[in-house]
Structure formats: C-alpha cells, structure tokens
C-alpha cells in the first residue's frame, strides 16, 4: 500500500494528522481524478457508517469536518481547497443494487459566478441522498427529479421537485429555502419535511417532522407545524391539513415503507417505483380497498405479495419485471 493509500484510509476514518492532511491537499491538487477518488471513497465509508451505526454517525457536521480537515496555511492552497470543497459540496449517493457516486461541480471562476441548473434524476428501484452546498441534506425517492442551481442566490435558495423527497434544511435566516412543486411553493428557514408529488398522482402531500413551513398555493398561505400533513388536490384545488405520524411518511429513506390504511391502488404505484416493476391489474377490482403493512427494501417483491395476500386474497403471476394481480 502506498503512502497516499494509507493517508486516504486514515482520512476517511478521521484519524489523519495535520502533516498528513497537508500531504493529502498537495495530492488533491495534482488532478481531478485524485479528488474524485478521495471523495468517492469517503462517501462509501460515510454511507456505510450511516447505514450500520446510525446512533453515532453525525451527518450534520460532515461538511464542516471536510472543510476543517483540508486546511493549509498557504493562501494559494487555501484557494485550491475551497474549490475542491465546492466540487464536493454536493454529493449524490445511490442506494440499491450497488454503490455509485456522482458529483455536481460547484467550482466557478473567482470573477464570473454563473449559476447553472443541475437536474438529479433517480430511476425506479433506487433511493438517493444529496448534500447541497449550503449544508442541506436531501433524500430523493425512486422515480423522482430534483432541479437545483449550482450557485444559490444571495437572498434565497430555490429547488424544483417532481416525485418525492425528504428535506433536512440547513438554517440560514437570510436565505429562505423554497421547494417548488407543481404550482405549490414550500418555504422554510431550517426544518425537516417530506414532499410527495408524483406526476401520476392528483395531489401534493407535504408532511412536517420538525420546525415550521409555509405553503403558498395560488393566493392561499398556510402554516404547517410538526406532525401535520397538508394534502393539496390538483383537480379541486382544495387544501386540507391533518395530524399524522410523520414516521409513516418518511420511513422510506430508512429502507422501508410503512403503510397505514393506505389506498391499495396507491400502494401498487409505490411498489412499482420501489422494486422497478410493472404491476398489471384492473383498478376497478381494487377500488376502495385499503392496505396496512411494512415493506422492507432488502426484501424481494415476493415479500410484498405474500403480505398482500394475507390482507387481500389475490392471485398473481410474475413474468420477469411484470406482475399480474387479480382478486381471488
């Protein structure tokens, strides 16, 4: 193992010395490939720590740790490292069939600051995690899209969502964070909430876990408190707010879905995205039926089908990625 390999191994575990950090900074400056290698290995290590040691893993301080470790006294090196940190500031980690890491380049000229739109697309069967440059953490669910500017404005932070995502927004009183989704705007300063707004659904569902958010729907303004969920019907333009258990609507980012008396047709749509399959059924056969249960991501599709069969007797057949379901 080379010296740099040893230093990388120590860095991802947080055990490097100041001298080793300086060596690492020099090595990062040599090529973009070196940057990609370091941050890729660190992402894998951090995600492993998060998945298997949730109680001790402190993700909120991650960007600060990254900045504090890669510091040198030379001014020119500081500039280089600031650019490196911008490159690493947005990290996309894809869970599912395997590890993959993608970087959104926040590096920009010191004289020209041009914001470009970055679109993150998460296909069926995958769940992704994203860190924005301001420290905001975003989980993006299957078959979802998130658009974000490479450089936030000085007075606001705006993103656009299609699909489902959970936001853990970094506090910044001077720059409100706004999520635009199908004509509705959600504005916060620092809080945690889930938004579900898939194109094939006729409603926008917003669930607040902590803090407070404002909803802007046309001329209507509403406030959500922790434990409340708003449902905006896109057809009737009606907004309702109810008390819920947020865990039932955010558990997907932990690798499971918790359904509590859900419309079975809506559950089918979730399962299609979750397992990247096509479920063929007659909607009239299942209209009005409800389903409760916990579906774990590390279980295959048969786990759901067996669970479904206990509450709603069905017959089904599987042909590759197509599943045909009918009532018994």
C-alpha atoms as a PDB file:
ATOM      1  CA  UNK A   1       0.000   0.000   0.000  1.00  0.00           C
ATOM      2  CA  UNK A   2       1.374   3.416  -0.966  1.00  0.00           C
ATOM      3  CA  UNK A   3       1.688   6.318   1.465  1.00  0.00           C
ATOM      4  CA  UNK A   4      -1.249   8.115  -0.159  1.00  0.00           C
ATOM      5  CA  UNK A   5      -3.415   4.979   0.142  1.00  0.00           C
ATOM      6  CA  UNK A   6      -2.607   4.843   3.825  1.00  0.00           C
ATOM      7  CA  UNK A   7      -3.417   8.529   4.283  1.00  0.00           C
ATOM      8  CA  UNK A   8      -6.736   8.162   2.434  1.00  0.00           C
ATOM      9  CA  UNK A   9      -7.687   5.216   4.632  1.00  0.00           C
ATOM     10  CA  UNK A  10      -6.891   7.265   7.717  1.00  0.00           C
ATOM     11  CA  UNK A  11      -8.668  10.368   6.380  1.00  0.00           C
ATOM     12  CA  UNK A  12     -11.984   8.634   5.700  1.00  0.00           C
ATOM     13  CA  UNK A  13     -11.860   7.323   9.278  1.00  0.00           C
ATOM     14  CA  UNK A  14     -10.993  10.777  10.626  1.00  0.00           C
ATOM     15  CA  UNK A  15      -7.573   9.875  12.061  1.00  0.00           C
ATOM     16  CA  UNK A  16      -5.138  11.875   9.916  1.00  0.00           C
ATOM     17  CA  UNK A  17      -2.563  14.227  11.404  1.00  0.00           C
ATOM     18  CA  UNK A  18      -2.024  17.827  10.285  1.00  0.00           C
ATOM     19  CA  UNK A  19       1.074  16.784   8.309  1.00  0.00           C
ATOM     20  CA  UNK A  20      -0.899  14.026   6.559  1.00  0.00           C
ATOM     21  CA  UNK A  21      -3.684  16.484   5.722  1.00  0.00           C
ATOM     22  CA  UNK A  22      -1.130  18.739   4.048  1.00  0.00           C
ATOM     23  CA  UNK A  23       0.223  15.816   2.009  1.00  0.00           C
ATOM     24  CA  UNK A  24      -3.334  14.940   1.032  1.00  0.00           C
ATOM     25  CA  UNK A  25      -4.012  18.547  -0.019  1.00  0.00           C
ATOM     26  CA  UNK A  26      -0.959  18.504  -2.317  1.00  0.00           C
ATOM     27  CA  UNK A  27      -2.100  15.212  -3.843  1.00  0.00           C
ATOM     28  CA  UNK A  28      -5.641  16.526  -4.424  1.00  0.00           C
ATOM     29  CA  UNK A  29      -4.201  19.485  -6.292  1.00  0.00           C
ATOM     30  CA  UNK A  30      -2.456  17.203  -8.805  1.00  0.00           C
ATOM     31  CA  UNK A  31      -5.539  16.087 -10.762  1.00  0.00           C
ATOM     32  CA  UNK A  32      -9.376  15.969 -10.782  1.00  0.00           C
ATOM     33  CA  UNK A  33      -9.140  12.160 -10.711  1.00  0.00           C
ATOM     34  CA  UNK A  34      -7.493  12.353  -7.313  1.00  0.00           C
ATOM     35  CA  UNK A  35     -10.354  14.487  -5.995  1.00  0.00           C
ATOM     36  CA  UNK A  36     -12.945  12.064  -7.330  1.00  0.00           C
ATOM     37  CA  UNK A  37     -11.155   9.096  -5.812  1.00  0.00           C
ATOM     38  CA  UNK A  38     -10.909  10.649  -2.349  1.00  0.00           C
ATOM     39  CA  UNK A  39     -14.488  11.842  -2.138  1.00  0.00           C
ATOM     40  CA  UNK A  40     -15.822   8.614  -3.646  1.00  0.00           C
ATOM     41  CA  UNK A  41     -14.056   6.523  -1.014  1.00  0.00           C
ATOM     42  CA  UNK A  42     -15.156   8.868   1.751  1.00  0.00           C
ATOM     43  CA  UNK A  43     -18.778   8.771   0.586  1.00  0.00           C
ATOM     44  CA  UNK A  44     -18.786   4.987   0.688  1.00  0.00           C
ATOM     45  CA  UNK A  45     -17.279   4.964   4.170  1.00  0.00           C
ATOM     46  CA  UNK A  46     -19.676   7.624   5.466  1.00  0.00           C
ATOM     47  CA  UNK A  47     -22.711   5.909   3.984  1.00  0.00           C
ATOM     48  CA  UNK A  48     -21.644   2.587   5.496  1.00  0.00           C
ATOM     49  CA  UNK A  49     -21.306   4.321   8.854  1.00  0.00           C
ATOM     50  CA  UNK A  50     -24.736   5.873   8.458  1.00  0.00           C
ATOM     51  CA  UNK A  51     -26.418   2.627   7.468  1.00  0.00           C
ATOM     52  CA  UNK A  52     -24.903   0.451  10.181  1.00  0.00           C
ATOM     53  CA  UNK A  53     -24.208   2.874  13.017  1.00  0.00           C
ATOM     54  CA  UNK A  54     -26.967   5.454  12.861  1.00  0.00           C
ATOM     55  CA  UNK A  55     -26.825   6.448  16.519  1.00  0.00           C
ATOM     56  CA  UNK A  56     -23.215   7.576  16.450  1.00  0.00           C
ATOM     57  CA  UNK A  57     -22.987   8.909  12.898  1.00  0.00           C
ATOM     58  CA  UNK A  58     -23.325  12.705  12.866  1.00  0.00           C
ATOM     59  CA  UNK A  59     -24.074  13.620   9.249  1.00  0.00           C
ATOM     60  CA  UNK A  60     -24.975  17.240  10.029  1.00  0.00           C
ATOM     61  CA  UNK A  61     -21.375  18.160  10.786  1.00  0.00           C
ATOM     62  CA  UNK A  62     -19.939  16.379   7.749  1.00  0.00           C
ATOM     63  CA  UNK A  63     -19.276  19.404   5.568  1.00  0.00           C
ATOM     64  CA  UNK A  64     -17.694  21.266   8.454  1.00  0.00           C
ATOM     65  CA  UNK A  65     -15.408  18.311   9.158  1.00  0.00           C
ATOM     66  CA  UNK A  66     -14.450  18.185   5.497  1.00  0.00           C
ATOM     67  CA  UNK A  67     -13.525  21.861   5.495  1.00  0.00           C
ATOM     68  CA  UNK A  68     -11.634  21.751   8.788  1.00  0.00           C
ATOM     69  CA  UNK A  69      -9.508  18.753   7.862  1.00  0.00           C
ATOM     70  CA  UNK A  70      -8.341  20.070   4.498  1.00  0.00           C
ATOM     71  CA  UNK A  71      -6.650  23.267   5.638  1.00  0.00           C
ATOM     72  CA  UNK A  72      -3.175  24.613   4.914  1.00  0.00           C
ATOM     73  CA  UNK A  73      -1.592  27.968   5.672  1.00  0.00           C
ATOM     74  CA  UNK A  74      -0.518  28.852   2.126  1.00  0.00           C
ATOM     75  CA  UNK A  75      -3.028  31.254   0.556  1.00  0.00           C
ATOM     76  CA  UNK A  76      -2.860  29.715  -2.921  1.00  0.00           C
ATOM     77  CA  UNK A  77      -3.524  26.295  -1.441  1.00  0.00           C
ATOM     78  CA  UNK A  78      -6.476  27.677   0.502  1.00  0.00           C
ATOM     79  CA  UNK A  79      -7.978  28.845  -2.772  1.00  0.00           C
ATOM     80  CA  UNK A  80      -7.485  25.430  -4.338  1.00  0.00           C
ATOM     81  CA  UNK A  81      -9.020  23.679  -1.339  1.00  0.00           C
ATOM     82  CA  UNK A  82     -12.026  25.990  -1.330  1.00  0.00           C
ATOM     83  CA  UNK A  83     -12.614  24.992  -4.937  1.00  0.00           C
ATOM     84  CA  UNK A  84     -12.238  21.339  -4.035  1.00  0.00           C
ATOM     85  CA  UNK A  85     -14.791  21.711  -1.268  1.00  0.00           C
ATOM     86  CA  UNK A  86     -17.236  23.341  -3.686  1.00  0.00           C
ATOM     87  CA  UNK A  87     -16.827  20.370  -6.010  1.00  0.00           C
ATOM     88  CA  UNK A  88     -17.534  18.005  -3.117  1.00  0.00           C
ATOM     89  CA  UNK A  89     -20.270  20.110  -1.561  1.00  0.00           C
ATOM     90  CA  UNK A  90     -22.987  18.346  -3.500  1.00  0.00           C
ATOM     91  CA  UNK A  91     -22.711  14.587  -3.296  1.00  0.00           C
ATOM     92  CA  UNK A  92     -25.216  12.084  -4.616  1.00  0.00           C
ATOM     93  CA  UNK A  93     -25.140   8.620  -3.078  1.00  0.00           C
ATOM     94  CA  UNK A  94     -27.300   5.957  -4.698  1.00  0.00           C
ATOM     95  CA  UNK A  95     -28.549   3.067  -2.573  1.00  0.00           C
ATOM     96  CA  UNK A  96     -29.929  -0.123  -4.067  1.00  0.00           C
ATOM     97  CA  UNK A  97     -28.166  -2.509  -6.406  1.00  0.00           C
ATOM     98  CA  UNK A  98     -24.748  -1.096  -5.560  1.00  0.00           C
ATOM     99  CA  UNK A  99     -22.725   1.974  -4.679  1.00  0.00           C
ATOM    100  CA  UNK A 100     -22.351   4.841  -7.088  1.00  0.00           C
ATOM    101  CA  UNK A 101     -21.322   8.422  -6.506  1.00  0.00           C
ATOM    102  CA  UNK A 102     -21.953  11.435  -8.700  1.00  0.00           C
ATOM    103  CA  UNK A 103     -20.620  14.951  -8.257  1.00  0.00           C
ATOM    104  CA  UNK A 104     -22.233  18.234  -9.232  1.00  0.00           C
ATOM    105  CA  UNK A 105     -19.450  20.695  -9.947  1.00  0.00           C
ATOM    106  CA  UNK A 106     -19.822  23.862  -7.890  1.00  0.00           C
ATOM    107  CA  UNK A 107     -16.394  25.092  -8.923  1.00  0.00           C
ATOM    108  CA  UNK A 108     -16.578  28.517 -10.530  1.00  0.00           C
ATOM    109  CA  UNK A 109     -14.315  31.357 -11.582  1.00  0.00           C
ATOM    110  CA  UNK A 110     -13.449  33.953  -8.974  1.00  0.00           C
ATOM    111  CA  UNK A 111     -14.503  36.689 -11.396  1.00  0.00           C
ATOM    112  CA  UNK A 112     -17.579  35.141 -13.055  1.00  0.00           C
ATOM    113  CA  UNK A 113     -20.271  33.498 -10.969  1.00  0.00           C
ATOM    114  CA  UNK A 114     -22.757  31.884 -13.316  1.00  0.00           C
ATOM    115  CA  UNK A 115     -25.480  29.666 -11.917  1.00  0.00           C
ATOM    116  CA  UNK A 116     -26.420  26.618 -13.964  1.00  0.00           C
ATOM    117  CA  UNK A 117     -29.364  24.291 -13.396  1.00  0.00           C
ATOM    118  CA  UNK A 118     -28.414  20.780 -12.300  1.00  0.00           C
ATOM    119  CA  UNK A 119     -31.041  18.038 -12.625  1.00  0.00           C
ATOM    120  CA  UNK A 120     -30.755  14.964 -10.428  1.00  0.00           C
ATOM    121  CA  UNK A 121     -32.790  12.035 -11.750  1.00  0.00           C
ATOM    122  CA  UNK A 122     -33.365   8.956  -9.575  1.00  0.00           C
ATOM    123  CA  UNK A 123     -34.706   5.960 -11.544  1.00  0.00           C
ATOM    124  CA  UNK A 124     -37.109   3.314 -10.307  1.00  0.00           C
ATOM    125  CA  UNK A 125     -35.681   0.892  -7.795  1.00  0.00           C
ATOM    126  CA  UNK A 126     -33.230   3.368  -6.270  1.00  0.00           C
ATOM    127  CA  UNK A 127     -33.118   5.887  -3.433  1.00  0.00           C
ATOM    128  CA  UNK A 128     -30.536   8.658  -3.369  1.00  0.00           C
ATOM    129  CA  UNK A 129     -29.060  11.073  -0.902  1.00  0.00           C
ATOM    130  CA  UNK A 130     -27.886  14.552  -1.777  1.00  0.00           C
ATOM    131  CA  UNK A 131     -25.901  17.219   0.041  1.00  0.00           C
ATOM    132  CA  UNK A 132     -26.326  20.785  -1.158  1.00  0.00           C
ATOM    133  CA  UNK A 133     -23.586  23.388  -0.894  1.00  0.00           C
ATOM    134  CA  UNK A 134     -25.413  25.189   1.938  1.00  0.00           C
ATOM    135  CA  UNK A 135     -25.386  22.038   4.093  1.00  0.00           C
ATOM    136  CA  UNK A 136     -28.959  20.994   3.321  1.00  0.00           C
ATOM    137  CA  UNK A 137     -29.429  17.237   3.134  1.00  0.00           C
ATOM    138  CA  UNK A 138     -31.953  15.704   0.724  1.00  0.00           C
ATOM    139  CA  UNK A 139     -33.156  12.128   0.295  1.00  0.00           C
ATOM    140  CA  UNK A 140     -34.688  11.546  -3.145  1.00  0.00           C
ATOM    141  CA  UNK A 141     -37.085   8.652  -3.644  1.00  0.00           C
ATOM    142  CA  UNK A 142     -37.480   6.378  -6.662  1.00  0.00           C
ATOM    143  CA  UNK A 143     -38.616   7.856  -9.994  1.00  0.00           C
ATOM    144  CA  UNK A 144     -38.072  11.440  -8.852  1.00  0.00           C
ATOM    145  CA  UNK A 145     -36.319  14.533 -10.192  1.00  0.00           C
ATOM    146  CA  UNK A 146     -34.764  17.452  -8.376  1.00  0.00           C
ATOM    147  CA  UNK A 147     -33.548  20.626 -10.072  1.00  0.00           C
ATOM    148  CA  UNK A 148     -31.132  22.864  -8.189  1.00  0.00           C
ATOM    149  CA  UNK A 149     -28.952  25.807  -9.121  1.00  0.00           C
ATOM    150  CA  UNK A 150     -25.211  25.220  -8.943  1.00  0.00           C
ATOM    151  CA  UNK A 151     -24.895  28.533  -7.068  1.00  0.00           C
ATOM    152  CA  UNK A 152     -27.619  29.730  -4.707  1.00  0.00           C
ATOM    153  CA  UNK A 153     -28.562  33.406  -4.830  1.00  0.00           C
ATOM    154  CA  UNK A 154     -27.504  35.707  -2.014  1.00  0.00           C
ATOM    155  CA  UNK A 155     -31.096  36.104  -0.757  1.00  0.00           C
ATOM    156  CA  UNK A 156     -32.807  32.778  -1.480  1.00  0.00           C
ATOM    157  CA  UNK A 157     -32.351  29.048  -2.073  1.00  0.00           C
ATOM    158  CA  UNK A 158     -34.743  27.528  -4.616  1.00  0.00           C
ATOM    159  CA  UNK A 159     -35.168  23.936  -5.837  1.00  0.00           C
ATOM    160  CA  UNK A 160     -37.782  22.228  -8.012  1.00  0.00           C
ATOM    161  CA  UNK A 161     -39.152  18.741  -7.283  1.00  0.00           C
ATOM    162  CA  UNK A 162     -41.068  16.159  -9.254  1.00  0.00           C
ATOM    163  CA  UNK A 163     -41.693  12.990  -7.269  1.00  0.00           C
ATOM    164  CA  UNK A 164     -40.826  12.503  -3.609  1.00  0.00           C
ATOM    165  CA  UNK A 165     -38.040  13.834  -1.401  1.00  0.00           C
ATOM    166  CA  UNK A 166     -37.267  14.435   2.257  1.00  0.00           C
ATOM    167  CA  UNK A 167     -35.511  17.714   3.059  1.00  0.00           C
ATOM    168  CA  UNK A 168     -33.357  18.418   6.094  1.00  0.00           C
ATOM    169  CA  UNK A 169     -32.788  22.127   5.514  1.00  0.00           C
ATOM    170  CA  UNK A 170     -29.730  23.930   6.886  1.00  0.00           C
ATOM    171  CA  UNK A 171     -30.679  27.054   8.842  1.00  0.00           C
ATOM    172  CA  UNK A 172     -29.976  30.353   7.105  1.00  0.00           C
ATOM    173  CA  UNK A 173     -32.219  33.225   8.300  1.00  0.00           C
ATOM    174  CA  UNK A 174     -31.060  35.479   5.482  1.00  0.00           C
ATOM    175  CA  UNK A 175     -31.895  32.985   2.717  1.00  0.00           C
ATOM    176  CA  UNK A 176     -35.219  31.130   2.862  1.00  0.00           C
ATOM    177  CA  UNK A 177     -35.258  27.679   1.280  1.00  0.00           C
ATOM    178  CA  UNK A 178     -38.093  27.122  -1.212  1.00  0.00           C
ATOM    179  CA  UNK A 179     -39.324  23.934  -2.847  1.00  0.00           C
ATOM    180  CA  UNK A 180     -41.399  24.490  -5.977  1.00  0.00           C
ATOM    181  CA  UNK A 181     -43.622  21.564  -6.857  1.00  0.00           C
ATOM    182  CA  UNK A 182     -46.390  21.593  -9.445  1.00  0.00           C
ATOM    183  CA  UNK A 183     -47.621  25.116  -8.736  1.00  0.00           C
ATOM    184  CA  UNK A 184     -47.199  24.960  -4.957  1.00  0.00           C
ATOM    185  CA  UNK A 185     -44.326  26.591  -3.060  1.00  0.00           C
ATOM    186  CA  UNK A 186     -42.969  25.429   0.289  1.00  0.00           C
ATOM    187  CA  UNK A 187     -40.829  27.938   2.169  1.00  0.00           C
ATOM    188  CA  UNK A 188     -38.641  27.287   5.218  1.00  0.00           C
ATOM    189  CA  UNK A 189     -35.628  28.694   7.015  1.00  0.00           C
ATOM    190  CA  UNK A 190     -34.422  25.484   8.639  1.00  0.00           C
ATOM    191  CA  UNK A 191     -36.545  22.377   9.202  1.00  0.00           C
ATOM    192  CA  UNK A 192     -37.271  18.796   8.119  1.00  0.00           C
ATOM    193  CA  UNK A 193     -40.177  17.734   5.927  1.00  0.00           C
ATOM    194  CA  UNK A 194     -41.286  15.265   3.272  1.00  0.00           C
ATOM    195  CA  UNK A 195     -42.922  16.118  -0.056  1.00  0.00           C
ATOM    196  CA  UNK A 196     -44.678  13.613  -2.321  1.00  0.00           C
ATOM    197  CA  UNK A 197     -45.841  14.942  -5.695  1.00  0.00           C
ATOM    198  CA  UNK A 198     -45.559  12.358  -8.444  1.00  0.00           C
ATOM    199  CA  UNK A 199     -46.833  13.315 -11.914  1.00  0.00           C
ATOM    200  CA  UNK A 200     -49.310  10.395 -11.951  1.00  0.00           C
ATOM    201  CA  UNK A 201     -50.895  11.486  -8.637  1.00  0.00           C
ATOM    202  CA  UNK A 202     -53.539  14.190  -8.386  1.00  0.00           C
ATOM    203  CA  UNK A 203     -52.329  15.565  -5.058  1.00  0.00           C
ATOM    204  CA  UNK A 204     -49.313  17.124  -3.361  1.00  0.00           C
ATOM    205  CA  UNK A 205     -48.624  15.702   0.076  1.00  0.00           C
ATOM    206  CA  UNK A 206     -46.372  17.627   2.494  1.00  0.00           C
ATOM    207  CA  UNK A 207     -45.512  16.166   5.900  1.00  0.00           C
ATOM    208  CA  UNK A 208     -43.615  18.163   8.535  1.00  0.00           C
ATOM    209  CA  UNK A 209     -41.354  16.420  11.053  1.00  0.00           C
ATOM    210  CA  UNK A 210     -39.610  19.400  12.704  1.00  0.00           C
ATOM    211  CA  UNK A 211     -39.643  23.199  12.570  1.00  0.00           C
ATOM    212  CA  UNK A 212     -42.280  25.143  10.664  1.00  0.00           C
ATOM    213  CA  UNK A 213     -43.058  25.660   6.980  1.00  0.00           C
ATOM    214  CA  UNK A 214     -45.212  27.995   4.923  1.00  0.00           C
ATOM    215  CA  UNK A 215     -47.242  26.726   1.975  1.00  0.00           C
ATOM    216  CA  UNK A 216     -48.132  29.039  -0.876  1.00  0.00           C
ATOM    217  CA  UNK A 217     -50.881  27.745  -3.162  1.00  0.00           C
ATOM    218  CA  UNK A 218     -52.032  30.480  -5.510  1.00  0.00           C
ATOM    219  CA  UNK A 219     -53.188  33.303  -3.226  1.00  0.00           C
ATOM    220  CA  UNK A 220     -53.565  30.966  -0.254  1.00  0.00           C
ATOM    221  CA  UNK A 221     -50.935  30.848   2.512  1.00  0.00           C
ATOM    222  CA  UNK A 222     -50.892  28.089   5.140  1.00  0.00           C
ATOM    223  CA  UNK A 223     -48.638  27.199   8.064  1.00  0.00           C
ATOM    224  CA  UNK A 224     -47.638  23.630   8.991  1.00  0.00           C
ATOM    225  CA  UNK A 225     -46.459  22.589  12.448  1.00  0.00           C
ATOM    226  CA  UNK A 226     -44.631  19.358  13.361  1.00  0.00           C
ATOM    227  CA  UNK A 227     -46.835  16.301  12.982  1.00  0.00           C
ATOM    228  CA  UNK A 228     -49.116  17.967  10.441  1.00  0.00           C
ATOM    229  CA  UNK A 229     -49.637  16.967   6.831  1.00  0.00           C
ATOM    230  CA  UNK A 230     -51.154  19.033   4.043  1.00  0.00           C
ATOM    231  CA  UNK A 231     -52.819  17.488   1.020  1.00  0.00           C
ATOM    232  CA  UNK A 232     -53.459  19.713  -1.973  1.00  0.00           C
ATOM    233  CA  UNK A 233     -55.830  18.239  -4.562  1.00  0.00           C
ATOM    234  CA  UNK A 234     -54.706  19.346  -8.007  1.00  0.00           C
ATOM    235  CA  UNK A 235     -58.147  18.784  -9.511  1.00  0.00           C
ATOM    236  CA  UNK A 236     -60.348  20.522  -6.951  1.00  0.00           C
ATOM    237  CA  UNK A 237     -57.631  22.990  -5.814  1.00  0.00           C
ATOM    238  CA  UNK A 238     -58.615  22.226  -2.220  1.00  0.00           C
ATOM    239  CA  UNK A 239     -56.079  22.099   0.619  1.00  0.00           C
ATOM    240  CA  UNK A 240     -56.581  20.049   3.792  1.00  0.00           C
ATOM    241  CA  UNK A 241     -54.332  19.786   6.860  1.00  0.00           C
ATOM    242  CA  UNK A 242     -54.367  16.754   9.173  1.00  0.00           C
ATOM    243  CA  UNK A 243     -52.476  15.376  12.165  1.00  0.00           C
ATOM    244  CA  UNK A 244     -50.372  12.322  11.224  1.00  0.00           C
ATOM    245  CA  UNK A 245     -47.443  10.252  12.436  1.00  0.00           C
ATOM    246  CA  UNK A 246     -44.597  11.611  10.263  1.00  0.00           C
ATOM    247  CA  UNK A 247     -42.667   8.335  10.590  1.00  0.00           C
ATOM    248  CA  UNK A 248     -45.236   6.635   8.364  1.00  0.00           C
ATOM    249  CA  UNK A 249     -44.377   9.037   5.555  1.00  0.00           C
ATOM    250  CA  UNK A 250     -40.606   9.369   5.975  1.00  0.00           C
ATOM    251  CA  UNK A 251     -39.564   5.773   6.705  1.00  0.00           C
ATOM    252  CA  UNK A 252     -38.772   5.159   3.034  1.00  0.00           C
ATOM    253  CA  UNK A 253     -35.453   6.971   3.450  1.00  0.00           C
ATOM    254  CA  UNK A 254     -34.504   4.368   6.080  1.00  0.00           C
ATOM    255  CA  UNK A 255     -35.172   1.486   3.691  1.00  0.00           C
ATOM    256  CA  UNK A 256     -38.795   0.654   4.407  1.00  0.00           C
ATOM    257  CA  UNK A 257     -42.346   1.776   3.664  1.00  0.00           C
ATOM    258  CA  UNK A 258     -44.885   1.924   6.472  1.00  0.00           C
ATOM    259  CA  UNK A 259     -48.433   1.820   5.120  1.00  0.00           C
ATOM    260  CA  UNK A 260     -51.296   2.671   7.461  1.00  0.00           C
ATOM    261  CA  UNK A 261     -54.706   2.059   5.895  1.00  0.00           C
ATOM    262  CA  UNK A 262     -53.471   3.287   2.508  1.00  0.00           C
ATOM    263  CA  UNK A 263     -55.419   3.136  -0.742  1.00  0.00           C
ATOM    264  CA  UNK A 264     -54.291  -0.133  -2.327  1.00  0.00           C
ATOM    265  CA  UNK A 265     -54.044   1.348  -5.823  1.00  0.00           C
ATOM    266  CA  UNK A 266     -51.659   3.991  -4.460  1.00  0.00           C
ATOM    267  CA  UNK A 267     -49.669   1.236  -2.753  1.00  0.00           C
ATOM    268  CA  UNK A 268     -49.282  -0.530  -6.099  1.00  0.00           C
ATOM    269  CA  UNK A 269     -47.764   2.629  -7.571  1.00  0.00           C
ATOM    270  CA  UNK A 270     -45.288   2.864  -4.678  1.00  0.00           C
ATOM    271  CA  UNK A 271     -44.285  -0.782  -5.111  1.00  0.00           C
ATOM    272  CA  UNK A 272     -43.744  -0.274  -8.850  1.00  0.00           C
ATOM    273  CA  UNK A 273     -41.270   2.513  -8.141  1.00  0.00           C
ATOM    274  CA  UNK A 274     -39.702   0.742  -5.180  1.00  0.00           C
ATOM    275  CA  UNK A 275     -38.915  -2.514  -6.997  1.00  0.00           C
ATOM    276  CA  UNK A 276     -38.754  -1.194 -10.588  1.00  0.00           C
ATOM    277  CA  UNK A 277     -41.542  -3.482 -11.778  1.00  0.00           C
ATOM    278  CA  UNK A 278     -44.794  -3.090 -13.671  1.00  0.00           C
ATOM    279  CA  UNK A 279     -47.958  -4.219 -11.872  1.00  0.00           C
ATOM    280  CA  UNK A 280     -50.833  -5.080 -14.167  1.00  0.00           C
ATOM    281  CA  UNK A 281     -54.295  -5.033 -12.619  1.00  0.00           C
ATOM    282  CA  UNK A 282     -57.827  -3.755 -13.119  1.00  0.00           C
ATOM    283  CA  UNK A 283     -58.222  -0.655 -10.997  1.00  0.00           C
ATOM    284  CA  UNK A 284     -61.959  -1.391 -10.594  1.00  0.00           C
ATOM    285  CA  UNK A 285     -61.105  -4.721  -8.916  1.00  0.00           C
ATOM    286  CA  UNK A 286     -59.237  -2.961  -6.097  1.00  0.00           C
ATOM    287  CA  UNK A 287     -61.084   0.347  -5.872  1.00  0.00           C
ATOM    288  CA  UNK A 288     -61.808   1.284  -2.271  1.00  0.00           C
ATOM    289  CA  UNK A 289     -59.541  -1.412  -0.821  1.00  0.00           C
ATOM    290  CA  UNK A 290     -57.075  -0.389   1.906  1.00  0.00           C
ATOM    291  CA  UNK A 291     -53.724  -1.841   2.924  1.00  0.00           C
ATOM    292  CA  UNK A 292     -51.552  -1.729   6.066  1.00  0.00           C
ATOM    293  CA  UNK A 293     -48.101  -3.200   6.431  1.00  0.00           C
ATOM    294  CA  UNK A 294     -44.356  -2.612   6.450  1.00  0.00           C
ATOM    295  CA  UNK A 295     -42.366  -3.280   3.281  1.00  0.00           C
ATOM    296  CA  UNK A 296     -38.573  -3.527   3.655  1.00  0.00           C
ATOM    297  CA  UNK A 297     -36.255  -2.630   0.812  1.00  0.00           C
ATOM    298  CA  UNK A 298     -33.921  -5.565   1.429  1.00  0.00           C
ATOM    299  CA  UNK A 299     -36.792  -7.993   0.769  1.00  0.00           C
ATOM    300  CA  UNK A 300     -37.774  -9.003  -2.763  1.00  0.00           C
ATOM    301  CA  UNK A 301     -41.146  -8.442  -4.420  1.00  0.00           C
ATOM    302  CA  UNK A 302     -42.471 -11.766  -3.094  1.00  0.00           C
ATOM    303  CA  UNK A 303     -42.316 -10.306   0.416  1.00  0.00           C
ATOM    304  CA  UNK A 304     -44.910  -7.699  -0.567  1.00  0.00           C
ATOM    305  CA  UNK A 305     -47.069 -10.164  -2.497  1.00  0.00           C
ATOM    306  CA  UNK A 306     -47.197 -12.600   0.422  1.00  0.00           C
ATOM    307  CA  UNK A 307     -48.030  -9.792   2.824  1.00  0.00           C
ATOM    308  CA  UNK A 308     -50.733  -8.508   0.490  1.00  0.00           C
ATOM    309  CA  UNK A 309     -52.241 -11.974   0.212  1.00  0.00           C
ATOM    310  CA  UNK A 310     -52.772 -12.103   3.979  1.00  0.00           C
ATOM    311  CA  UNK A 311     -54.934  -8.984   3.987  1.00  0.00           C
ATOM    312  CA  UNK A 312     -56.397  -9.054   0.465  1.00  0.00           C
ATOM    313  CA  UNK A 313     -56.640 -12.571  -1.028  1.00  0.00           C
ATOM    314  CA  UNK A 314     -55.208 -12.348  -4.553  1.00  0.00           C
ATOM    315  CA  UNK A 315     -53.767 -14.448  -7.317  1.00  0.00           C
ATOM    316  CA  UNK A 316     -50.646 -13.283  -9.092  1.00  0.00           C
ATOM    317  CA  UNK A 317     -48.110 -14.303 -11.689  1.00  0.00           C
ATOM    318  CA  UNK A 318     -44.605 -12.962 -12.280  1.00  0.00           C
ATOM    319  CA  UNK A 319     -43.060 -12.665 -15.734  1.00  0.00           C
ATOM    320  CA  UNK A 320     -39.639 -11.008 -15.424  1.00  0.00           C
ATOM    321  CA  UNK A 321     -40.437  -7.443 -14.327  1.00  0.00           C
ATOM    322  CA  UNK A 322     -44.196  -7.690 -14.953  1.00  0.00           C
ATOM    323  CA  UNK A 323     -46.585  -8.796 -12.220  1.00  0.00           C
ATOM    324  CA  UNK A 324     -50.230  -9.514 -12.884  1.00  0.00           C
ATOM    325  CA  UNK A 325     -52.525  -9.327  -9.837  1.00  0.00           C
ATOM    326  CA  UNK A 326     -56.235 -10.148  -9.531  1.00  0.00           C
ATOM    327  CA  UNK A 327     -58.590 -10.761  -6.584  1.00  0.00           C
ATOM    328  CA  UNK A 328     -59.353 -14.377  -5.744  1.00  0.00           C
END
